[in-house]
PDB file of N, CA and C in Angstrom:
ATOM      1  N   MET A   1     -13.210 -12.977  34.206  1.00  0.00           N
ATOM      2  CA  MET A   1     -13.160 -12.458  32.846  1.00  0.00           C
ATOM      3  C   MET A   1     -14.218 -11.369  32.715  1.00  0.00           C
ATOM      4  N   GLU A   2     -13.838 -10.271  32.060  1.00  0.00           N
ATOM      5  CA  GLU A   2     -14.772  -9.161  31.902  1.00  0.00           C
ATOM      6  C   GLU A   2     -15.785  -9.457  30.789  1.00  0.00           C
ATOM      7  N   ALA A   3     -16.933  -8.863  30.947  1.00  0.00           N
ATOM      8  CA  ALA A   3     -17.963  -8.984  29.878  1.00  0.00           C
ATOM      9  C   ALA A   3     -17.526  -8.199  28.672  1.00  0.00           C
ATOM     10  N   VAL A   4     -17.815  -8.685  27.515  1.00  0.00           N
ATOM     11  CA  VAL A   4     -17.447  -8.001  26.263  1.00  0.00           C
ATOM     12  C   VAL A   4     -18.472  -6.902  26.032  1.00  0.00           C
ATOM     13  N   PRO A   5     -17.998  -5.643  25.749  1.00  0.00           N
ATOM     14  CA  PRO A   5     -18.929  -4.561  25.529  1.00  0.00           C
ATOM     15  C   PRO A   5     -19.828  -4.821  24.316  1.00  0.00           C
ATOM     16  N   GLY A   6     -21.042  -4.257  24.368  1.00  0.00           N
ATOM     17  CA  GLY A   6     -22.003  -4.437  23.312  1.00  0.00           C
ATOM     18  C   GLY A   6     -21.523  -3.908  21.971  1.00  0.00           C
ATOM     19  N   GLN A   7     -20.725  -2.810  22.008  1.00  0.00           N
ATOM     20  CA  GLN A   7     -20.255  -2.236  20.757  1.00  0.00           C
ATOM     21  C   GLN A   7     -19.293  -3.184  20.034  1.00  0.00           C
ATOM     22  N   PHE A   8     -18.557  -3.986  20.796  1.00  0.00           N
ATOM     23  CA  PHE A   8     -17.676  -4.968  20.162  1.00  0.00           C
ATOM     24  C   PHE A   8     -18.493  -5.943  19.321  1.00  0.00           C
ATOM     25  N   TRP A   9     -19.622  -6.406  19.860  1.00  0.00           N
ATOM     26  CA  TRP A   9     -20.458  -7.361  19.132  1.00  0.00           C
ATOM     27  C   TRP A   9     -21.059  -6.687  17.896  1.00  0.00           C
ATOM     28  N   GLU A  10     -21.414  -5.426  18.043  1.00  0.00           N
ATOM     29  CA  GLU A  10     -21.979  -4.704  16.874  1.00  0.00           C
ATOM     30  C   GLU A  10     -20.960  -4.576  15.760  1.00  0.00           C
ATOM     31  N   ILE A  11     -19.714  -4.255  16.134  1.00  0.00           N
ATOM     32  CA  ILE A  11     -18.650  -4.164  15.120  1.00  0.00           C
ATOM     33  C   ILE A  11     -18.427  -5.542  14.502  1.00  0.00           C
ATOM     34  N   LEU A  12     -18.448  -6.571  15.316  1.00  0.00           N
ATOM     35  CA  LEU A  12     -18.282  -7.925  14.783  1.00  0.00           C
ATOM     36  C   LEU A  12     -19.391  -8.290  13.833  1.00  0.00           C
ATOM     37  N   TYR A  13     -20.639  -7.903  14.147  1.00  0.00           N
ATOM     38  CA  TYR A  13     -21.753  -8.133  13.233  1.00  0.00           C
ATOM     39  C   TYR A  13     -21.573  -7.363  11.919  1.00  0.00           C
ATOM     40  N   PHE A  14     -21.095  -6.127  12.032  1.00  0.00           N
ATOM     41  CA  PHE A  14     -20.845  -5.329  10.811  1.00  0.00           C
ATOM     42  C   PHE A  14     -19.841  -6.014   9.931  1.00  0.00           C
ATOM     43  N   LEU A  15     -18.715  -6.430  10.518  1.00  0.00           N
ATOM     44  CA  LEU A  15     -17.666  -7.082   9.732  1.00  0.00           C
ATOM     45  C   LEU A  15     -18.148  -8.405   9.121  1.00  0.00           C
ATOM     46  N   GLY A  16     -18.837  -9.208   9.926  1.00  0.00           N
ATOM     47  CA  GLY A  16     -19.362 -10.464   9.416  1.00  0.00           C
ATOM     48  C   GLY A  16     -20.351 -10.253   8.283  1.00  0.00           C
ATOM     49  N   THR A  17     -21.219  -9.263   8.446  1.00  0.00           N
ATOM     50  CA  THR A  17     -22.187  -8.945   7.390  1.00  0.00           C
ATOM     51  C   THR A  17     -21.466  -8.479   6.115  1.00  0.00           C
ATOM     52  N   ALA A  18     -20.439  -7.631   6.292  1.00  0.00           N
ATOM     53  CA  ALA A  18     -19.696  -7.146   5.134  1.00  0.00           C
ATOM     54  C   ALA A  18     -19.011  -8.260   4.382  1.00  0.00           C
ATOM     55  N   ILE A  19     -18.426  -9.203   5.090  1.00  0.00           N
ATOM     56  CA  ILE A  19     -17.761 -10.333   4.424  1.00  0.00           C
ATOM     57  C   ILE A  19     -18.802 -11.178   3.694  1.00  0.00           C
ATOM     58  N   PHE A  20     -19.908 -11.488   4.369  1.00  0.00           N
ATOM     59  CA  PHE A  20     -20.961 -12.288   3.759  1.00  0.00           C
ATOM     60  C   PHE A  20     -21.523 -11.616   2.512  1.00  0.00           C
ATOM     61  N   ILE A  21     -21.794 -10.321   2.593  1.00  0.00           N
ATOM     62  CA  ILE A  21     -22.371  -9.584   1.445  1.00  0.00           C
ATOM     63  C   ILE A  21     -21.376  -9.532   0.317  1.00  0.00           C
ATOM     64  N   SER A  22     -20.080  -9.358   0.615  1.00  0.00           N
ATOM     65  CA  SER A  22     -19.055  -9.310  -0.433  1.00  0.00           C
ATOM     66  C   SER A  22     -19.018 -10.630  -1.204  1.00  0.00           C
ATOM     67  N   ILE A  23     -19.106 -11.715  -0.502  1.00  0.00           N
ATOM     68  CA  ILE A  23     -19.085 -13.035  -1.151  1.00  0.00           C
ATOM     69  C   ILE A  23     -20.343 -13.214  -2.015  1.00  0.00           C
ATOM     70  N   ILE A  24     -21.503 -12.884  -1.483  1.00  0.00           N
ATOM     71  CA  ILE A  24     -22.746 -13.011  -2.235  1.00  0.00           C
ATOM     72  C   ILE A  24     -22.732 -12.111  -3.486  1.00  0.00           C
ATOM     73  N   CYS A  25     -22.319 -10.867  -3.313  1.00  0.00           N
ATOM     74  CA  CYS A  25     -22.276  -9.939  -4.446  1.00  0.00           C
ATOM     75  C   CYS A  25     -21.281 -10.394  -5.501  1.00  0.00           C
ATOM     76  N   GLY A  26     -20.192 -10.988  -5.083  1.00  0.00           N
ATOM     77  CA  GLY A  26     -19.219 -11.500  -6.053  1.00  0.00           C
ATOM     78  C   GLY A  26     -19.800 -12.644  -6.885  1.00  0.00           C
ATOM     79  N   LYS A  27     -20.593 -13.511  -6.241  1.00  0.00           N
ATOM     80  CA  LYS A  27     -21.211 -14.605  -6.975  1.00  0.00           C
ATOM     81  C   LYS A  27     -22.326 -14.117  -7.904  1.00  0.00           C
ATOM     82  N   LEU A  28     -23.021 -13.052  -7.479  1.00  0.00           N
ATOM     83  CA  LEU A  28     -24.118 -12.510  -8.293  1.00  0.00           C
ATOM     84  C   LEU A  28     -23.610 -11.490  -9.313  1.00  0.00           C
ATOM     85  N   LYS A  29     -22.320 -11.159  -9.266  1.00  0.00           N
ATOM     86  CA  LYS A  29     -21.690 -10.186 -10.146  1.00  0.00           C
ATOM     87  C   LYS A  29     -22.392  -8.810 -10.029  1.00  0.00           C
ATOM     88  N   VAL A  30     -22.607  -8.406  -8.773  1.00  0.00           N
ATOM     89  CA  VAL A  30     -23.197  -7.112  -8.415  1.00  0.00           C
ATOM     90  C   VAL A  30     -22.163  -6.368  -7.579  1.00  0.00           C
ATOM     91  N   THR A  31     -22.132  -5.032  -7.697  1.00  0.00           N
ATOM     92  CA  THR A  31     -21.186  -4.279  -6.906  1.00  0.00           C
ATOM     93  C   THR A  31     -21.443  -4.441  -5.413  1.00  0.00           C
ATOM     94  N   SER A  32     -20.374  -4.445  -4.653  1.00  0.00           N
ATOM     95  CA  SER A  32     -20.504  -4.619  -3.202  1.00  0.00           C
ATOM     96  C   SER A  32     -21.248  -3.455  -2.563  1.00  0.00           C
ATOM     97  N   ALA A  33     -21.069  -2.250  -3.115  1.00  0.00           N
ATOM     98  CA  ALA A  33     -21.743  -1.076  -2.536  1.00  0.00           C
ATOM     99  C   ALA A  33     -23.254  -1.259  -2.545  1.00  0.00           C
ATOM    100  N   LEU A  34     -23.790  -1.788  -3.613  1.00  0.00           N
ATOM    101  CA  LEU A  34     -25.230  -2.026  -3.697  1.00  0.00           C
ATOM    102  C   LEU A  34     -25.633  -3.084  -2.672  1.00  0.00           C
ATOM    103  N   GLY A  35     -24.822  -4.089  -2.513  1.00  0.00           N
ATOM    104  CA  GLY A  35     -25.091  -5.133  -1.514  1.00  0.00           C
ATOM    105  C   GLY A  35     -25.080  -4.606  -0.093  1.00  0.00           C
ATOM    106  N   TYR A  36     -24.134  -3.681   0.199  1.00  0.00           N
ATOM    107  CA  TYR A  36     -24.065  -3.099   1.527  1.00  0.00           C
ATOM    108  C   TYR A  36     -25.328  -2.242   1.799  1.00  0.00           C
ATOM    109  N   LEU A  37     -25.765  -1.502   0.794  1.00  0.00           N
ATOM    110  CA  LEU A  37     -26.979  -0.696   0.968  1.00  0.00           C
ATOM    111  C   LEU A  37     -28.216  -1.560   1.236  1.00  0.00           C
ATOM    112  N   VAL A  38     -28.354  -2.606   0.458  1.00  0.00           N
ATOM    113  CA  VAL A  38     -29.503  -3.522   0.660  1.00  0.00           C
ATOM    114  C   VAL A  38     -29.412  -4.199   2.022  1.00  0.00           C
ATOM    115  N   ALA A  39     -28.213  -4.626   2.419  1.00  0.00           N
ATOM    116  CA  ALA A  39     -28.085  -5.243   3.722  1.00  0.00           C
ATOM    117  C   ALA A  39     -28.395  -4.264   4.852  1.00  0.00           C
ATOM    118  N   GLY A  40     -28.001  -2.999   4.687  1.00  0.00           N
ATOM    119  CA  GLY A  40     -28.301  -1.994   5.693  1.00  0.00           C
ATOM    120  C   GLY A  40     -29.817  -1.783   5.831  1.00  0.00           C
ATOM    121  N   VAL A  41     -30.510  -1.780   4.714  1.00  0.00           N
ATOM    122  CA  VAL A  41     -31.968  -1.593   4.775  1.00  0.00           C
ATOM    123  C   VAL A  41     -32.635  -2.796   5.431  1.00  0.00           C
ATOM    124  N   ILE A  42     -32.184  -3.978   5.049  1.00  0.00           N
ATOM    125  CA  ILE A  42     -32.809  -5.209   5.583  1.00  0.00           C
ATOM    126  C   ILE A  42     -32.498  -5.407   7.068  1.00  0.00           C
ATOM    127  N   LEU A  43     -31.244  -5.188   7.465  1.00  0.00           N
ATOM    128  CA  LEU A  43     -30.858  -5.470   8.839  1.00  0.00           C
ATOM    129  C   LEU A  43     -31.062  -4.280   9.783  1.00  0.00           C
ATOM    130  N   GLY A  44     -31.432  -3.136   9.236  1.00  0.00           N
ATOM    131  CA  GLY A  44     -31.636  -1.931  10.042  1.00  0.00           C
ATOM    132  C   GLY A  44     -32.891  -1.956  10.882  1.00  0.00           C
ATOM    133  N   PRO A  45     -33.182  -0.825  11.522  1.00  0.00           N
ATOM    134  CA  PRO A  45     -34.294  -0.790  12.465  1.00  0.00           C
ATOM    135  C   PRO A  45     -35.682  -0.852  11.832  1.00  0.00           C
ATOM    136  N   TYR A  46     -35.752  -0.794  10.506  1.00  0.00           N
ATOM    137  CA  TYR A  46     -37.070  -0.784   9.852  1.00  0.00           C
ATOM    138  C   TYR A  46     -37.461  -2.132   9.275  1.00  0.00           C
ATOM    139  N   ALA A  47     -36.614  -3.147   9.415  1.00  0.00           N
ATOM    140  CA  ALA A  47     -36.954  -4.472   8.906  1.00  0.00           C
ATOM    141  C   ALA A  47     -36.671  -5.511  10.007  1.00  0.00           C
ATOM    142  N   VAL A  48     -35.544  -6.185   9.904  1.00  0.00           N
ATOM    143  CA  VAL A  48     -35.181  -7.256  10.849  1.00  0.00           C
ATOM    144  C   VAL A  48     -34.816  -6.688  12.226  1.00  0.00           C
ATOM    145  N   ASN A  49     -34.313  -5.457  12.274  1.00  0.00           N
ATOM    146  CA  ASN A  49     -33.938  -4.765  13.508  1.00  0.00           C
ATOM    147  C   ASN A  49     -32.761  -5.432  14.225  1.00  0.00           C
ATOM    148  N   LEU A  50     -31.812  -5.968  13.478  1.00  0.00           N
ATOM    149  CA  LEU A  50     -30.601  -6.528  14.104  1.00  0.00           C
ATOM    150  C   LEU A  50     -29.711  -5.391  14.589  1.00  0.00           C
ATOM    151  N   PHE A  51     -29.596  -4.304  13.814  1.00  0.00           N
ATOM    152  CA  PHE A  51     -28.823  -3.125  14.234  1.00  0.00           C
ATOM    153  C   PHE A  51     -29.809  -2.033  14.600  1.00  0.00           C
ATOM    154  N   ASN A  52     -30.224  -2.014  15.864  1.00  0.00           N
ATOM    155  CA  ASN A  52     -31.243  -1.058  16.265  1.00  0.00           C
ATOM    156  C   ASN A  52     -30.654   0.195  16.903  1.00  0.00           C
ATOM    157  N   ASN A  53     -29.376   0.200  17.255  1.00  0.00           N
ATOM    158  CA  ASN A  53     -28.737   1.361  17.857  1.00  0.00           C
ATOM    159  C   ASN A  53     -28.084   2.174  16.741  1.00  0.00           C
ATOM    160  N   VAL A  54     -28.865   3.034  16.121  1.00  0.00           N
ATOM    161  CA  VAL A  54     -28.392   3.794  14.960  1.00  0.00           C
ATOM    162  C   VAL A  54     -27.340   4.791  15.366  1.00  0.00           C
ATOM    163  N   GLU A  55     -27.408   5.389  16.572  1.00  0.00           N
ATOM    164  CA  GLU A  55     -26.402   6.355  17.014  1.00  0.00           C
ATOM    165  C   GLU A  55     -25.024   5.704  17.098  1.00  0.00           C
ATOM    166  N   ALA A  56     -24.943   4.514  17.683  1.00  0.00           N
ATOM    167  CA  ALA A  56     -23.651   3.829  17.764  1.00  0.00           C
ATOM    168  C   ALA A  56     -23.148   3.471  16.376  1.00  0.00           C
ATOM    169  N   SER A  57     -24.036   3.111  15.489  1.00  0.00           N
ATOM    170  CA  SER A  57     -23.660   2.786  14.118  1.00  0.00           C
ATOM    171  C   SER A  57     -23.061   3.980  13.411  1.00  0.00           C
ATOM    172  N   LYS A  58     -23.589   5.171  13.702  1.00  0.00           N
ATOM    173  CA  LYS A  58     -23.053   6.379  13.099  1.00  0.00           C
ATOM    174  C   LYS A  58     -21.616   6.642  13.548  1.00  0.00           C
ATOM    175  N   HIS A  59     -21.323   6.349  14.812  1.00  0.00           N
ATOM    176  CA  HIS A  59     -19.954   6.523  15.324  1.00  0.00           C
ATOM    177  C   HIS A  59     -19.000   5.561  14.609  1.00  0.00           C
ATOM    178  N   ILE A  60     -19.435   4.340  14.402  1.00  0.00           N
ATOM    179  CA  ILE A  60     -18.609   3.372  13.711  1.00  0.00           C
ATOM    180  C   ILE A  60     -18.395   3.806  12.269  1.00  0.00           C
ATOM    181  N   ALA A  61     -19.439   4.339  11.635  1.00  0.00           N
ATOM    182  CA  ALA A  61     -19.334   4.820  10.278  1.00  0.00           C
ATOM    183  C   ALA A  61     -18.369   5.990  10.157  1.00  0.00           C
ATOM    184  N   GLU A  62     -18.332   6.861  11.131  1.00  0.00           N
ATOM    185  CA  GLU A  62     -17.402   7.986  11.120  1.00  0.00           C
ATOM    186  C   GLU A  62     -15.958   7.491  11.140  1.00  0.00           C
ATOM    187  N   PHE A  63     -15.684   6.442  11.909  1.00  0.00           N
ATOM    188  CA  PHE A  63     -14.338   5.868  11.889  1.00  0.00           C
ATOM    189  C   PHE A  63     -13.985   5.318  10.514  1.00  0.00           C
ATOM    190  N   GLY A  64     -14.976   4.717   9.867  1.00  0.00           N
ATOM    191  CA  GLY A  64     -14.749   4.198   8.504  1.00  0.00           C
ATOM    192  C   GLY A  64     -14.401   5.303   7.530  1.00  0.00           C
ATOM    193  N   VAL A  65     -15.091   6.450   7.639  1.00  0.00           N
ATOM    194  CA  VAL A  65     -14.813   7.579   6.753  1.00  0.00           C
ATOM    195  C   VAL A  65     -13.416   8.122   7.034  1.00  0.00           C
ATOM    196  N   VAL A  66     -13.032   8.203   8.307  1.00  0.00           N
ATOM    197  CA  VAL A  66     -11.687   8.686   8.654  1.00  0.00           C
ATOM    198  C   VAL A  66     -10.636   7.776   8.081  1.00  0.00           C
ATOM    199  N   PHE A  67     -10.801   6.475   8.181  1.00  0.00           N
ATOM    200  CA  PHE A  67      -9.829   5.544   7.638  1.00  0.00           C
ATOM    201  C   PHE A  67      -9.773   5.642   6.116  1.00  0.00           C
ATOM    202  N   LEU A  68     -10.913   5.808   5.453  1.00  0.00           N
ATOM    203  CA  LEU A  68     -10.945   5.976   3.998  1.00  0.00           C
ATOM    204  C   LEU A  68     -10.189   7.216   3.572  1.00  0.00           C
ATOM    205  N   LEU A  69     -10.439   8.355   4.244  1.00  0.00           N
ATOM    206  CA  LEU A  69      -9.745   9.589   3.890  1.00  0.00           C
ATOM    207  C   LEU A  69      -8.239   9.464   4.169  1.00  0.00           C
ATOM    208  N   PHE A  70      -7.870   8.796   5.238  1.00  0.00           N
ATOM    209  CA  PHE A  70      -6.456   8.585   5.524  1.00  0.00           C
ATOM    210  C   PHE A  70      -5.784   7.754   4.435  1.00  0.00           C
ATOM    211  N   THR A  71      -6.467   6.720   3.964  1.00  0.00           N
ATOM    212  CA  THR A  71      -5.952   5.871   2.900  1.00  0.00           C
ATOM    213  C   THR A  71      -5.780   6.665   1.614  1.00  0.00           C
ATOM    214  N   ILE A  72      -6.755   7.521   1.301  1.00  0.00           N
ATOM    215  CA  ILE A  72      -6.646   8.351   0.126  1.00  0.00           C
ATOM    216  C   ILE A  72      -5.460   9.303   0.277  1.00  0.00           C
ATOM    217  N   GLY A  73      -5.264   9.864   1.461  1.00  0.00           N
ATOM    218  CA  GLY A  73      -4.132  10.748   1.701  1.00  0.00           C
ATOM    219  C   GLY A  73      -2.798  10.053   1.532  1.00  0.00           C
ATOM    220  N   LEU A  74      -2.721   8.770   1.860  1.00  0.00           N
ATOM    221  CA  LEU A  74      -1.487   8.018   1.682  1.00  0.00           C
ATOM    222  C   LEU A  74      -1.116   7.883   0.210  1.00  0.00           C
ATOM    223  N   GLU A  75      -2.112   7.822  -0.669  1.00  0.00           N
ATOM    224  CA  GLU A  75      -1.866   7.619  -2.075  1.00  0.00           C
ATOM    225  C   GLU A  75      -1.829   8.917  -2.883  1.00  0.00           C
ATOM    226  N   LEU A  76      -2.077  10.040  -2.249  1.00  0.00           N
ATOM    227  CA  LEU A  76      -2.162  11.327  -2.935  1.00  0.00           C
ATOM    228  C   LEU A  76      -0.782  11.992  -2.924  1.00  0.00           C
ATOM    229  N   PRO A  77      -0.202  12.266  -4.105  1.00  0.00           N
ATOM    230  CA  PRO A  77       1.102  12.941  -4.154  1.00  0.00           C
ATOM    231  C   PRO A  77       1.000  14.397  -3.644  1.00  0.00           C
ATOM    232  N   TRP A  78       2.076  14.916  -3.078  1.00  0.00           N
ATOM    233  CA  TRP A  78       2.079  16.253  -2.529  1.00  0.00           C
ATOM    234  C   TRP A  78       1.767  17.299  -3.607  1.00  0.00           C
ATOM    235  N   GLU A  79       2.272  17.101  -4.819  1.00  0.00           N
ATOM    236  CA  GLU A  79       2.035  18.036  -5.906  1.00  0.00           C
ATOM    237  C   GLU A  79       0.552  18.130  -6.250  1.00  0.00           C
ATOM    238  N   ARG A  80      -0.103  17.025  -6.254  1.00  0.00           N
ATOM    239  CA  ARG A  80      -1.558  16.991  -6.530  1.00  0.00           C
ATOM    240  C   ARG A  80      -2.333  17.689  -5.430  1.00  0.00           C
ATOM    241  N   LEU A  81      -1.879  17.538  -4.202  1.00  0.00           N
ATOM    242  CA  LEU A  81      -2.538  18.193  -3.090  1.00  0.00           C
ATOM    243  C   LEU A  81      -2.401  19.712  -3.172  1.00  0.00           C
ATOM    244  N   GLN A  82      -1.247  20.169  -3.649  1.00  0.00           N
ATOM    245  CA  GLN A  82      -1.035  21.612  -3.803  1.00  0.00           C
ATOM    246  C   GLN A  82      -1.920  22.188  -4.911  1.00  0.00           C
ATOM    247  N   GLU A  83      -2.229  21.389  -5.917  1.00  0.00           N
ATOM    248  CA  GLU A  83      -3.087  21.864  -7.002  1.00  0.00           C
ATOM    249  C   GLU A  83      -4.542  22.069  -6.517  1.00  0.00           C
ATOM    250  N   LEU A  84      -4.943  21.320  -5.502  1.00  0.00           N
ATOM    251  CA  LEU A  84      -6.294  21.429  -4.997  1.00  0.00           C
ATOM    252  C   LEU A  84      -6.418  22.714  -4.237  1.00  0.00           C
TER     253      LEU A  84
END
């Protein structure tokens, strides 16, 4: 069996953290975006240092932005796009 790449574990940590923060923010009635920001500061290289490879995290974040823009494009009517 092959060893699992380190980036896989980092993505898994990101997803697990996101789910955990979403649940906590829902119970505290705080927006998830604020929870994600606080979690990033706490778990980043300047505090707990769980996510210390910032360059790899940036690549994962770029994929997230691409998926977000793609989703927006799916919901955007052609007429509205022509107006822009």
